């Protein structure tokens, strides 16, 4: 990869991370949180993980995909950070360290 391709790849990964945070933690969690916080954390974490199943379209191997989904579900529980801090930025910064 050229230097430009590498830079564009990193930028796209950062953008995807932010968009995922806004969708799964910003919108989904906030909407579900009004009824039951624990249930909202579990549902947003599971949907975040299952959302990675789209990588099947990219030709990912099944074992690799299952591990990625499990890892994404585990990272989805960072929603607790959002709940405690009341800041999506804190959640984004924490998630960036692990992806």
PDB file of N, CA and C in Angstrom:
ATOM      1  N   UNK A   1       0.838  -1.180   0.000  1.00  0.00           N
ATOM      2  CA  UNK A   1       0.000   0.000   0.000  1.00  0.00           C
ATOM      3  C   UNK A   1       0.885   1.247   0.000  1.00  0.00           C
ATOM      4  N   UNK A   2       0.428   2.229  -0.715  1.00  0.00           N
ATOM      5  CA  UNK A   2       1.154   3.496  -0.723  1.00  0.00           C
ATOM      6  C   UNK A   2       0.861   4.250   0.573  1.00  0.00           C
ATOM      7  N   UNK A   3       1.602   5.308   0.810  1.00  0.00           N
ATOM      8  CA  UNK A   3       1.406   6.119   2.011  1.00  0.00           C
ATOM      9  C   UNK A   3       0.004   6.732   2.016  1.00  0.00           C
ATOM     10  N   UNK A   4      -0.449   7.206   0.867  1.00  0.00           N
ATOM     11  CA  UNK A   4      -1.774   7.808   0.758  1.00  0.00           C
ATOM     12  C   UNK A   4      -2.864   6.775   1.062  1.00  0.00           C
ATOM     13  N   UNK A   5      -2.716   5.569   0.506  1.00  0.00           N
ATOM     14  CA  UNK A   5      -3.687   4.512   0.782  1.00  0.00           C
ATOM     15  C   UNK A   5      -3.717   4.161   2.263  1.00  0.00           C
ATOM     16  N   UNK A   6      -2.567   4.129   2.894  1.00  0.00           N
ATOM     17  CA  UNK A   6      -2.490   3.835   4.326  1.00  0.00           C
ATOM     18  C   UNK A   6      -3.189   4.903   5.150  1.00  0.00           C
ATOM     19  N   UNK A   7      -2.954   6.156   4.808  1.00  0.00           N
ATOM     20  CA  UNK A   7      -3.584   7.265   5.530  1.00  0.00           C
ATOM     21  C   UNK A   7      -5.101   7.221   5.339  1.00  0.00           C
ATOM     22  N   UNK A   8      -5.546   7.007   4.115  1.00  0.00           N
ATOM     23  CA  UNK A   8      -6.980   6.924   3.845  1.00  0.00           C
ATOM     24  C   UNK A   8      -7.622   5.739   4.560  1.00  0.00           C
ATOM     25  N   UNK A   9      -6.905   4.640   4.658  1.00  0.00           N
ATOM     26  CA  UNK A   9      -7.406   3.462   5.373  1.00  0.00           C
ATOM     27  C   UNK A   9      -7.610   3.787   6.854  1.00  0.00           C
ATOM     28  N   UNK A  10      -6.633   4.432   7.463  1.00  0.00           N
ATOM     29  CA  UNK A  10      -6.737   4.802   8.881  1.00  0.00           C
ATOM     30  C   UNK A  10      -7.898   5.776   9.096  1.00  0.00           C
ATOM     31  N   UNK A  11      -8.031   6.751   8.226  1.00  0.00           N
ATOM     32  CA  UNK A  11      -9.126   7.724   8.344  1.00  0.00           C
ATOM     33  C   UNK A  11     -10.474   7.031   8.219  1.00  0.00           C
ATOM     34  N   UNK A  12     -10.588   6.099   7.275  1.00  0.00           N
ATOM     35  CA  UNK A  12     -11.867   5.401   7.106  1.00  0.00           C
ATOM     36  C   UNK A  12     -12.193   4.543   8.331  1.00  0.00           C
ATOM     37  N   UNK A  13     -11.198   3.914   8.933  1.00  0.00           N
ATOM     38  CA  UNK A  13     -11.435   3.111  10.135  1.00  0.00           C
ATOM     39  C   UNK A  13     -11.897   3.991  11.290  1.00  0.00           C
ATOM     40  N   UNK A  14     -11.323   5.167  11.411  1.00  0.00           N
ATOM     41  CA  UNK A  14     -11.740   6.092  12.470  1.00  0.00           C
ATOM     42  C   UNK A  14     -13.171   6.571  12.241  1.00  0.00           C
ATOM     43  N   UNK A  15     -13.521   6.815  10.993  1.00  0.00           N
ATOM     44  CA  UNK A  15     -14.888   7.258  10.683  1.00  0.00           C
ATOM     45  C   UNK A  15     -15.900   6.160  10.958  1.00  0.00           C
ATOM     46  N   UNK A  16     -15.568   4.936  10.591  1.00  0.00           N
ATOM     47  CA  UNK A  16     -16.464   3.809  10.844  1.00  0.00           C
ATOM     48  C   UNK A  16     -16.679   3.651  12.344  1.00  0.00           C
ATOM     49  N   UNK A  17     -15.612   3.781  13.107  1.00  0.00           N
ATOM     50  CA  UNK A  17     -15.705   3.670  14.555  1.00  0.00           C
ATOM     51  C   UNK A  17     -16.670   4.709  15.125  1.00  0.00           C
ATOM     52  N   UNK A  18     -16.545   5.934  14.675  1.00  0.00           N
ATOM     53  CA  UNK A  18     -17.420   6.998  15.168  1.00  0.00           C
ATOM     54  C   UNK A  18     -18.879   6.755  14.771  1.00  0.00           C
ATOM     55  N   UNK A  19     -19.086   6.323  13.564  1.00  0.00           N
ATOM     56  CA  UNK A  19     -20.452   6.062  13.090  1.00  0.00           C
ATOM     57  C   UNK A  19     -21.083   4.914  13.881  1.00  0.00           C
ATOM     58  N   UNK A  20     -20.309   3.850  14.128  1.00  0.00           N
ATOM     59  CA  UNK A  20     -20.826   2.747  14.936  1.00  0.00           C
ATOM     60  C   UNK A  20     -21.208   3.214  16.337  1.00  0.00           C
ATOM     61  N   UNK A  21     -20.358   4.034  16.928  1.00  0.00           N
ATOM     62  CA  UNK A  21     -20.643   4.540  18.272  1.00  0.00           C
ATOM     63  C   UNK A  21     -21.935   5.355  18.294  1.00  0.00           C
ATOM     64  N   UNK A  22     -22.099   6.201  17.313  1.00  0.00           N
ATOM     65  CA  UNK A  22     -23.294   7.045  17.263  1.00  0.00           C
ATOM     66  C   UNK A  22     -24.548   6.189  17.077  1.00  0.00           C
ATOM     67  N   UNK A  23     -24.478   5.197  16.198  1.00  0.00           N
ATOM     68  CA  UNK A  23     -25.649   4.363  15.939  1.00  0.00           C
ATOM     69  C   UNK A  23     -25.989   3.471  17.129  1.00  0.00           C
ATOM     70  N   UNK A  24     -25.013   2.675  17.579  1.00  0.00           N
ATOM     71  CA  UNK A  24     -25.307   1.662  18.588  1.00  0.00           C
ATOM     72  C   UNK A  24     -25.369   2.217  20.007  1.00  0.00           C
ATOM     73  N   UNK A  25     -24.539   3.192  20.306  1.00  0.00           N
ATOM     74  CA  UNK A  25     -24.555   3.729  21.662  1.00  0.00           C
ATOM     75  C   UNK A  25     -25.305   5.041  21.756  1.00  0.00           C
ATOM     76  N   UNK A  26     -25.189   5.843  20.734  1.00  0.00           N
ATOM     77  CA  UNK A  26     -25.877   7.122  20.755  1.00  0.00           C
ATOM     78  C   UNK A  26     -27.371   6.977  20.577  1.00  0.00           C
ATOM     79  N   UNK A  27     -27.780   6.363  19.487  1.00  0.00           N
ATOM     80  CA  UNK A  27     -29.213   6.259  19.189  1.00  0.00           C
ATOM     81  C   UNK A  27     -29.871   5.055  19.869  1.00  0.00           C
ATOM     82  N   UNK A  28     -29.354   3.858  19.600  1.00  0.00           N
ATOM     83  CA  UNK A  28     -30.000   2.637  20.084  1.00  0.00           C
ATOM     84  C   UNK A  28     -30.020   2.579  21.612  1.00  0.00           C
ATOM     85  N   UNK A  29     -28.869   2.749  22.234  1.00  0.00           N
ATOM     86  CA  UNK A  29     -28.812   2.670  23.692  1.00  0.00           C
ATOM     87  C   UNK A  29     -29.664   3.749  24.344  1.00  0.00           C
ATOM     88  N   UNK A  30     -29.546   4.963  23.859  1.00  0.00           N
ATOM     89  CA  UNK A  30     -30.323   6.060  24.455  1.00  0.00           C
ATOM     90  C   UNK A  30     -31.826   5.802  24.330  1.00  0.00           C
ATOM     91  N   UNK A  31     -32.259   5.249  23.210  1.00  0.00           N
ATOM     92  CA  UNK A  31     -33.684   4.967  23.017  1.00  0.00           C
ATOM     93  C   UNK A  31     -34.154   3.848  23.955  1.00  0.00           C
ATOM     94  N   UNK A  32     -33.345   2.807  24.109  1.00  0.00           N
ATOM     95  CA  UNK A  32     -33.719   1.677  24.955  1.00  0.00           C
ATOM     96  C   UNK A  32     -33.538   1.965  26.441  1.00  0.00           C
ATOM     97  N   UNK A  33     -32.639   2.877  26.756  1.00  0.00           N
ATOM     98  CA  UNK A  33     -32.281   3.181  28.138  1.00  0.00           C
ATOM     99  C   UNK A  33     -33.450   3.757  28.934  1.00  0.00           C
ATOM    100  N   UNK A  34     -34.386   4.351  28.256  1.00  0.00           N
ATOM    101  CA  UNK A  34     -35.522   4.981  28.934  1.00  0.00           C
ATOM    102  C   UNK A  34     -36.369   3.967  29.683  1.00  0.00           C
ATOM    103  N   UNK A  35     -36.383   2.713  29.216  1.00  0.00           N
ATOM    104  CA  UNK A  35     -37.216   1.686  29.840  1.00  0.00           C
ATOM    105  C   UNK A  35     -36.437   0.851  30.862  1.00  0.00           C
ATOM    106  N   UNK A  36     -35.247   0.364  30.459  1.00  0.00           N
ATOM    107  CA  UNK A  36     -34.485  -0.528  31.327  1.00  0.00           C
ATOM    108  C   UNK A  36     -33.005  -0.437  30.945  1.00  0.00           C
ATOM    109  N   UNK A  37     -32.177   0.057  31.843  1.00  0.00           N
ATOM    110  CA  UNK A  37     -30.763   0.289  31.534  1.00  0.00           C
ATOM    111  C   UNK A  37     -30.025  -1.018  31.265  1.00  0.00           C
ATOM    112  N   UNK A  38     -30.200  -2.019  32.112  1.00  0.00           N
ATOM    113  CA  UNK A  38     -29.492  -3.289  31.917  1.00  0.00           C
ATOM    114  C   UNK A  38     -29.869  -3.938  30.591  1.00  0.00           C
ATOM    115  N   UNK A  39     -31.148  -3.931  30.295  1.00  0.00           N
ATOM    116  CA  UNK A  39     -31.615  -4.505  29.042  1.00  0.00           C
ATOM    117  C   UNK A  39     -31.069  -3.707  27.859  1.00  0.00           C
ATOM    118  N   UNK A  40     -31.003  -2.400  27.990  1.00  0.00           N
ATOM    119  CA  UNK A  40     -30.474  -1.555  26.917  1.00  0.00           C
ATOM    120  C   UNK A  40     -29.005  -1.857  26.663  1.00  0.00           C
ATOM    121  N   UNK A  41     -28.230  -2.073  27.718  1.00  0.00           N
ATOM    122  CA  UNK A  41     -26.808  -2.402  27.570  1.00  0.00           C
ATOM    123  C   UNK A  41     -26.654  -3.734  26.849  1.00  0.00           C
ATOM    124  N   UNK A  42     -27.427  -4.724  27.252  1.00  0.00           N
ATOM    125  CA  UNK A  42     -27.328  -6.056  26.642  1.00  0.00           C
ATOM    126  C   UNK A  42     -27.748  -6.016  25.171  1.00  0.00           C
ATOM    127  N   UNK A  43     -28.877  -5.391  24.883  1.00  0.00           N
ATOM    128  CA  UNK A  43     -29.374  -5.348  23.504  1.00  0.00           C
ATOM    129  C   UNK A  43     -28.429  -4.567  22.597  1.00  0.00           C
ATOM    130  N   UNK A  44     -27.940  -3.418  23.052  1.00  0.00           N
ATOM    131  CA  UNK A  44     -27.034  -2.639  22.200  1.00  0.00           C
ATOM    132  C   UNK A  44     -25.719  -3.376  21.984  1.00  0.00           C
ATOM    133  N   UNK A  45     -25.241  -4.114  22.995  1.00  0.00           N
ATOM    134  CA  UNK A  45     -23.998  -4.883  22.853  1.00  0.00           C
ATOM    135  C   UNK A  45     -24.171  -6.031  21.878  1.00  0.00           C
ATOM    136  N   UNK A  46     -25.281  -6.745  21.995  1.00  0.00           N
ATOM    137  CA  UNK A  46     -25.541  -7.870  21.085  1.00  0.00           C
ATOM    138  C   UNK A  46     -25.731  -7.402  19.641  1.00  0.00           C
ATOM    139  N   UNK A  47     -26.476  -6.329  19.457  1.00  0.00           N
ATOM    140  CA  UNK A  47     -26.680  -5.849  18.084  1.00  0.00           C
ATOM    141  C   UNK A  47     -25.392  -5.305  17.493  1.00  0.00           C
ATOM    142  N   UNK A  48     -24.551  -4.701  18.321  1.00  0.00           N
ATOM    143  CA  UNK A  48     -23.252  -4.234  17.846  1.00  0.00           C
ATOM    144  C   UNK A  48     -22.419  -5.423  17.357  1.00  0.00           C
ATOM    145  N   UNK A  49     -22.400  -6.488  18.128  1.00  0.00           N
ATOM    146  CA  UNK A  49     -21.639  -7.670  17.728  1.00  0.00           C
ATOM    147  C   UNK A  49     -22.216  -8.348  16.504  1.00  0.00           C
ATOM    148  N   UNK A  50     -23.515  -8.558  16.503  1.00  0.00           N
ATOM    149  CA  UNK A  50     -24.167  -9.239  15.383  1.00  0.00           C
ATOM    150  C   UNK A  50     -24.073  -8.400  14.109  1.00  0.00           C
ATOM    151  N   UNK A  51     -23.989  -7.095  14.262  1.00  0.00           N
ATOM    152  CA  UNK A  51     -23.840  -6.221  13.096  1.00  0.00           C
ATOM    153  C   UNK A  51     -22.581  -6.503  12.303  1.00  0.00           C
ATOM    154  N   UNK A  52     -21.612  -7.151  12.931  1.00  0.00           N
ATOM    155  CA  UNK A  52     -20.368  -7.476  12.229  1.00  0.00           C
ATOM    156  C   UNK A  52     -20.498  -8.700  11.329  1.00  0.00           C
ATOM    157  N   UNK A  53     -21.656  -9.327  11.330  1.00  0.00           N
ATOM    158  CA  UNK A  53     -21.884 -10.482  10.461  1.00  0.00           C
ATOM    159  C   UNK A  53     -21.804 -10.071   8.983  1.00  0.00           C
ATOM    160  N   UNK A  54     -21.939  -8.794   8.735  1.00  0.00           N
ATOM    161  CA  UNK A  54     -21.844  -8.285   7.365  1.00  0.00           C
ATOM    162  C   UNK A  54     -20.485  -8.614   6.746  1.00  0.00           C
ATOM    163  N   UNK A  55     -19.499  -8.931   7.580  1.00  0.00           N
ATOM    164  CA  UNK A  55     -18.178  -9.281   7.054  1.00  0.00           C
ATOM    165  C   UNK A  55     -18.186 -10.600   6.284  1.00  0.00           C
ATOM    166  N   UNK A  56     -19.270 -11.351   6.387  1.00  0.00           N
ATOM    167  CA  UNK A  56     -19.402 -12.540   5.541  1.00  0.00           C
ATOM    168  C   UNK A  56     -19.390 -12.145   4.070  1.00  0.00           C
ATOM    169  N   UNK A  57     -19.938 -10.972   3.787  1.00  0.00           N
ATOM    170  CA  UNK A  57     -19.960 -10.492   2.405  1.00  0.00           C
ATOM    171  C   UNK A  57     -18.558 -10.184   1.888  1.00  0.00           C
ATOM    172  N   UNK A  58     -17.637  -9.924   2.808  1.00  0.00           N
ATOM    173  CA  UNK A  58     -16.255  -9.640   2.423  1.00  0.00           C
ATOM    174  C   UNK A  58     -15.419 -10.910   2.330  1.00  0.00           C
ATOM    175  N   UNK A  59     -16.054 -12.069   2.529  1.00  0.00           N
ATOM    176  CA  UNK A  59     -15.353 -13.342   2.395  1.00  0.00           C
ATOM    177  C   UNK A  59     -14.625 -13.792   3.652  1.00  0.00           C
ATOM    178  N   UNK A  60     -15.036 -13.325   4.813  1.00  0.00           N
ATOM    179  CA  UNK A  60     -14.383 -13.728   6.059  1.00  0.00           C
ATOM    180  C   UNK A  60     -14.647 -15.208   6.331  1.00  0.00           C
ATOM    181  N   UNK A  61     -13.658 -15.869   6.920  1.00  0.00           N
ATOM    182  CA  UNK A  61     -13.827 -17.267   7.306  1.00  0.00           C
ATOM    183  C   UNK A  61     -14.763 -17.336   8.500  1.00  0.00           C
ATOM    184  N   UNK A  62     -15.481 -18.453   8.634  1.00  0.00           N
ATOM    185  CA  UNK A  62     -16.499 -18.584   9.664  1.00  0.00           C
ATOM    186  C   UNK A  62     -15.913 -18.464  11.076  1.00  0.00           C
ATOM    187  N   UNK A  63     -14.815 -19.157  11.365  1.00  0.00           N
ATOM    188  CA  UNK A  63     -14.221 -19.087  12.704  1.00  0.00           C
ATOM    189  C   UNK A  63     -13.753 -17.670  13.015  1.00  0.00           C
ATOM    190  N   UNK A  64     -13.108 -17.068  12.051  1.00  0.00           N
ATOM    191  CA  UNK A  64     -12.646 -15.690  12.217  1.00  0.00           C
ATOM    192  C   UNK A  64     -13.817 -14.749  12.464  1.00  0.00           C
ATOM    193  N   UNK A  65     -14.886 -14.945  11.728  1.00  0.00           N
ATOM    194  CA  UNK A  65     -16.078 -14.105  11.879  1.00  0.00           C
ATOM    195  C   UNK A  65     -16.719 -14.295  13.252  1.00  0.00           C
ATOM    196  N   UNK A  66     -16.833 -15.544  13.709  1.00  0.00           N
ATOM    197  CA  UNK A  66     -17.418 -15.804  15.028  1.00  0.00           C
ATOM    198  C   UNK A  66     -16.596 -15.171  16.138  1.00  0.00           C
ATOM    199  N   UNK A  67     -15.285 -15.242  16.015  1.00  0.00           N
ATOM    200  CA  UNK A  67     -14.416 -14.597  17.006  1.00  0.00           C
ATOM    201  C   UNK A  67     -14.577 -13.080  16.977  1.00  0.00           C
ATOM    202  N   UNK A  68     -14.694 -12.525  15.779  1.00  0.00           N
ATOM    203  CA  UNK A  68     -14.891 -11.092  15.644  1.00  0.00           C
ATOM    204  C   UNK A  68     -16.218 -10.662  16.262  1.00  0.00           C
ATOM    205  N   UNK A  69     -17.263 -11.442  16.060  1.00  0.00           N
ATOM    206  CA  UNK A  69     -18.570 -11.125  16.630  1.00  0.00           C
ATOM    207  C   UNK A  69     -18.514 -11.181  18.158  1.00  0.00           C
ATOM    208  N   UNK A  70     -17.868 -12.219  18.697  1.00  0.00           N
ATOM    209  CA  UNK A  70     -17.732 -12.319  20.158  1.00  0.00           C
ATOM    210  C   UNK A  70     -16.939 -11.137  20.722  1.00  0.00           C
ATOM    211  N   UNK A  71     -15.870 -10.773  20.046  1.00  0.00           N
ATOM    212  CA  UNK A  71     -15.058  -9.634  20.472  1.00  0.00           C
ATOM    213  C   UNK A  71     -15.873  -8.340  20.400  1.00  0.00           C
ATOM    214  N   UNK A  72     -16.651  -8.191  19.346  1.00  0.00           N
ATOM    215  CA  UNK A  72     -17.470  -6.981  19.194  1.00  0.00           C
ATOM    216  C   UNK A  72     -18.559  -6.916  20.262  1.00  0.00           C
ATOM    217  N   UNK A  73     -19.131  -8.060  20.610  1.00  0.00           N
ATOM    218  CA  UNK A  73     -20.126  -8.076  21.689  1.00  0.00           C
ATOM    219  C   UNK A  73     -19.471  -7.656  23.002  1.00  0.00           C
ATOM    220  N   UNK A  74     -18.289  -8.188  23.266  1.00  0.00           N
ATOM    221  CA  UNK A  74     -17.572  -7.807  24.491  1.00  0.00           C
ATOM    222  C   UNK A  74     -17.285  -6.306  24.499  1.00  0.00           C
ATOM    223  N   UNK A  75     -16.829  -5.770  23.371  1.00  0.00           N
ATOM    224  CA  UNK A  75     -16.588  -4.327  23.287  1.00  0.00           C
ATOM    225  C   UNK A  75     -17.888  -3.543  23.396  1.00  0.00           C
ATOM    226  N   UNK A  76     -18.975  -4.163  22.978  1.00  0.00           N
ATOM    227  CA  UNK A  76     -20.270  -3.509  23.075  1.00  0.00           C
ATOM    228  C   UNK A  76     -20.642  -3.172  24.506  1.00  0.00           C
ATOM    229  N   UNK A  77     -20.109  -3.939  25.444  1.00  0.00           N
ATOM    230  CA  UNK A  77     -20.408  -3.668  26.841  1.00  0.00           C
ATOM    231  C   UNK A  77     -19.702  -2.408  27.354  1.00  0.00           C
ATOM    232  N   UNK A  78     -18.891  -1.792  26.512  1.00  0.00           N
ATOM    233  CA  UNK A  78     -18.347  -0.469  26.856  1.00  0.00           C
ATOM    234  C   UNK A  78     -19.470   0.564  26.958  1.00  0.00           C
ATOM    235  N   UNK A  79     -20.652   0.159  26.591  1.00  0.00           N
ATOM    236  CA  UNK A  79     -21.822   1.035  26.735  1.00  0.00           C
ATOM    237  C   UNK A  79     -21.966   1.475  28.185  1.00  0.00           C
ATOM    238  N   UNK A  80     -21.475   0.663  29.104  1.00  0.00           N
ATOM    239  CA  UNK A  80     -21.502   1.022  30.519  1.00  0.00           C
ATOM    240  C   UNK A  80     -20.731   2.319  30.742  1.00  0.00           C
ATOM    241  N   UNK A  81     -19.650   2.508  29.987  1.00  0.00           N
ATOM    242  CA  UNK A  81     -18.876   3.752  30.095  1.00  0.00           C
ATOM    243  C   UNK A  81     -19.736   4.939  29.696  1.00  0.00           C
ATOM    244  N   UNK A  82     -20.505   4.769  28.636  1.00  0.00           N
ATOM    245  CA  UNK A  82     -21.412   5.831  28.210  1.00  0.00           C
ATOM    246  C   UNK A  82     -22.432   6.130  29.302  1.00  0.00           C
ATOM    247  N   UNK A  83     -22.984   5.090  29.871  1.00  0.00           N
ATOM    248  CA  UNK A  83     -24.002   5.269  30.908  1.00  0.00           C
ATOM    249  C   UNK A  83     -23.414   5.989  32.127  1.00  0.00           C
ATOM    250  N   UNK A  84     -22.224   5.611  32.529  1.00  0.00           N
ATOM    251  CA  UNK A  84     -21.596   6.218  33.713  1.00  0.00           C
ATOM    252  C   UNK A  84     -21.107   7.640  33.448  1.00  0.00           C
ATOM    253  N   UNK A  85     -20.531   7.871  32.274  1.00  0.00           N
ATOM    254  CA  UNK A  85     -19.942   9.185  31.984  1.00  0.00           C
ATOM    255  C   UNK A  85     -20.925  10.152  31.343  1.00  0.00           C
ATOM    256  N   UNK A  86     -22.002   9.614  30.752  1.00  0.00           N
ATOM    257  CA  UNK A  86     -22.980  10.423  30.022  1.00  0.00           C
ATOM    258  C   UNK A  86     -22.330  11.171  28.853  1.00  0.00           C
ATOM    259  N   UNK A  87     -21.236  10.601  28.328  1.00  0.00           N
ATOM    260  CA  UNK A  87     -20.528  11.234  27.222  1.00  0.00           C
ATOM    261  C   UNK A  87     -20.173  10.196  26.166  1.00  0.00           C
ATOM    262  N   UNK A  88     -20.647  10.405  24.975  1.00  0.00           N
ATOM    263  CA  UNK A  88     -20.329   9.514  23.866  1.00  0.00           C
ATOM    264  C   UNK A  88     -18.859   9.650  23.472  1.00  0.00           C
ATOM    265  N   UNK A  89     -18.287  10.810  23.687  1.00  0.00           N
ATOM    266  CA  UNK A  89     -16.875  11.041  23.355  1.00  0.00           C
ATOM    267  C   UNK A  89     -15.979  10.116  24.176  1.00  0.00           C
ATOM    268  N   UNK A  90     -16.269   9.973  25.454  1.00  0.00           N
ATOM    269  CA  UNK A  90     -15.497   9.074  26.311  1.00  0.00           C
ATOM    270  C   UNK A  90     -15.559   7.654  25.786  1.00  0.00           C
ATOM    271  N   UNK A  91     -16.723   7.254  25.364  1.00  0.00           N
ATOM    272  CA  UNK A  91     -16.920   5.916  24.822  1.00  0.00           C
ATOM    273  C   UNK A  91     -16.139   5.739  23.512  1.00  0.00           C
ATOM    274  N   UNK A  92     -16.170   6.723  22.656  1.00  0.00           N
ATOM    275  CA  UNK A  92     -15.450   6.659  21.383  1.00  0.00           C
ATOM    276  C   UNK A  92     -13.950   6.536  21.629  1.00  0.00           C
ATOM    277  N   UNK A  93     -13.417   7.342  22.524  1.00  0.00           N
ATOM    278  CA  UNK A  93     -11.984   7.321  22.814  1.00  0.00           C
ATOM    279  C   UNK A  93     -11.564   5.973  23.425  1.00  0.00           C
ATOM    280  N   UNK A  94     -12.387   5.438  24.288  1.00  0.00           N
ATOM    281  CA  UNK A  94     -12.083   4.141  24.899  1.00  0.00           C
ATOM    282  C   UNK A  94     -12.120   3.044  23.843  1.00  0.00           C
ATOM    283  N   UNK A  95     -13.118   3.067  22.983  1.00  0.00           N
ATOM    284  CA  UNK A  95     -13.252   2.047  21.948  1.00  0.00           C
ATOM    285  C   UNK A  95     -12.123   2.135  20.932  1.00  0.00           C
ATOM    286  N   UNK A  96     -11.637   3.324  20.640  1.00  0.00           N
ATOM    287  CA  UNK A  96     -10.542   3.490  19.672  1.00  0.00           C
ATOM    288  C   UNK A  96      -9.282   2.778  20.138  1.00  0.00           C
ATOM    289  N   UNK A  97      -9.102   2.676  21.429  1.00  0.00           N
ATOM    290  CA  UNK A  97      -7.915   2.022  21.957  1.00  0.00           C
ATOM    291  C   UNK A  97      -7.941   0.514  21.740  1.00  0.00           C
ATOM    292  N   UNK A  98      -9.140  -0.054  21.595  1.00  0.00           N
ATOM    293  CA  UNK A  98      -9.256  -1.498  21.515  1.00  0.00           C
ATOM    294  C   UNK A  98      -9.587  -2.006  20.128  1.00  0.00           C
ATOM    295  N   UNK A  99      -9.795  -1.127  19.154  1.00  0.00           N
ATOM    296  CA  UNK A  99     -10.112  -1.610  17.812  1.00  0.00           C
ATOM    297  C   UNK A  99      -8.981  -1.360  16.858  1.00  0.00           C
TER     298      UNK A  99
END
